[in-house]
């Protein structure tokens, strides 16, 4: 039997075929899942086009995680396509250019707050919005980039990821009684659209293949996507509040 046979998943962040979210959607369908995608604004049309390139076309519902009305109505709009959810993938992040690229000390709270709301608080917002649909044994999975280090050029986005990881632990605490697992996958650097928006991204990925014991290929999202699919399945029934590293082992090596 396929790993996700009969599962119904909500997947955010599918914008290009190079994204980790797209690869999760593709693998999830191959493993038997029925998926619903989200997008918003001008990106809706892009996601709808990309959705047609999946093994099976998938519906797209509008969701801006910073819009209270979108969040409040999300469950009802998802119900138009599936009657419940077995899993949710959070693949959402944004920070203004002014808070990255070596501008840590100059960044304003106005711009930093946008990064924190969109890239950290949104995990809680999405989980709560989906809560009426989540069944016992369901799984919420988010994507992070090791928030325990101060990375070159990542700056306030790195702070947002640290908050994102803490949010995961608190969600795991509060949703555990409902049988909902909450975990994160920390990927190595992947050359996605989001990565290209980080000024000086090459400084973050430099030396990764040499330091990672298993090596690293920044041109493919599949290793991280496979970890997400594993966590969305029933194969980790007692794992919650954790960060699974899919980075070739880089995080475990000393300088």
Foldseek 3Di string as FASTA:
>chain_A
DFQQAPAEEEFEDPQDCQDLRVLLVQVNVVSHYAYEYEAADPSPVRNQVSQVVHPHRHHYDYDDLVDVVRLQCVQVVVCVPPVAHQEYEDEWFDAPQCQFQPNQVVDDPVRLVVRLVTLAVSLVSNCVSRVVRHAAQGEYEYEAAPLPDDAHRCGSNSVSRVNNLVSQQVCCVVCVVRNYAGEYEHEQAAPDPVLVSRVPSCSRNPPLQVQQQQGDDNDHSNQSSVVVSCRRGNNCSPDHSYYHYSRSRNVVDDD
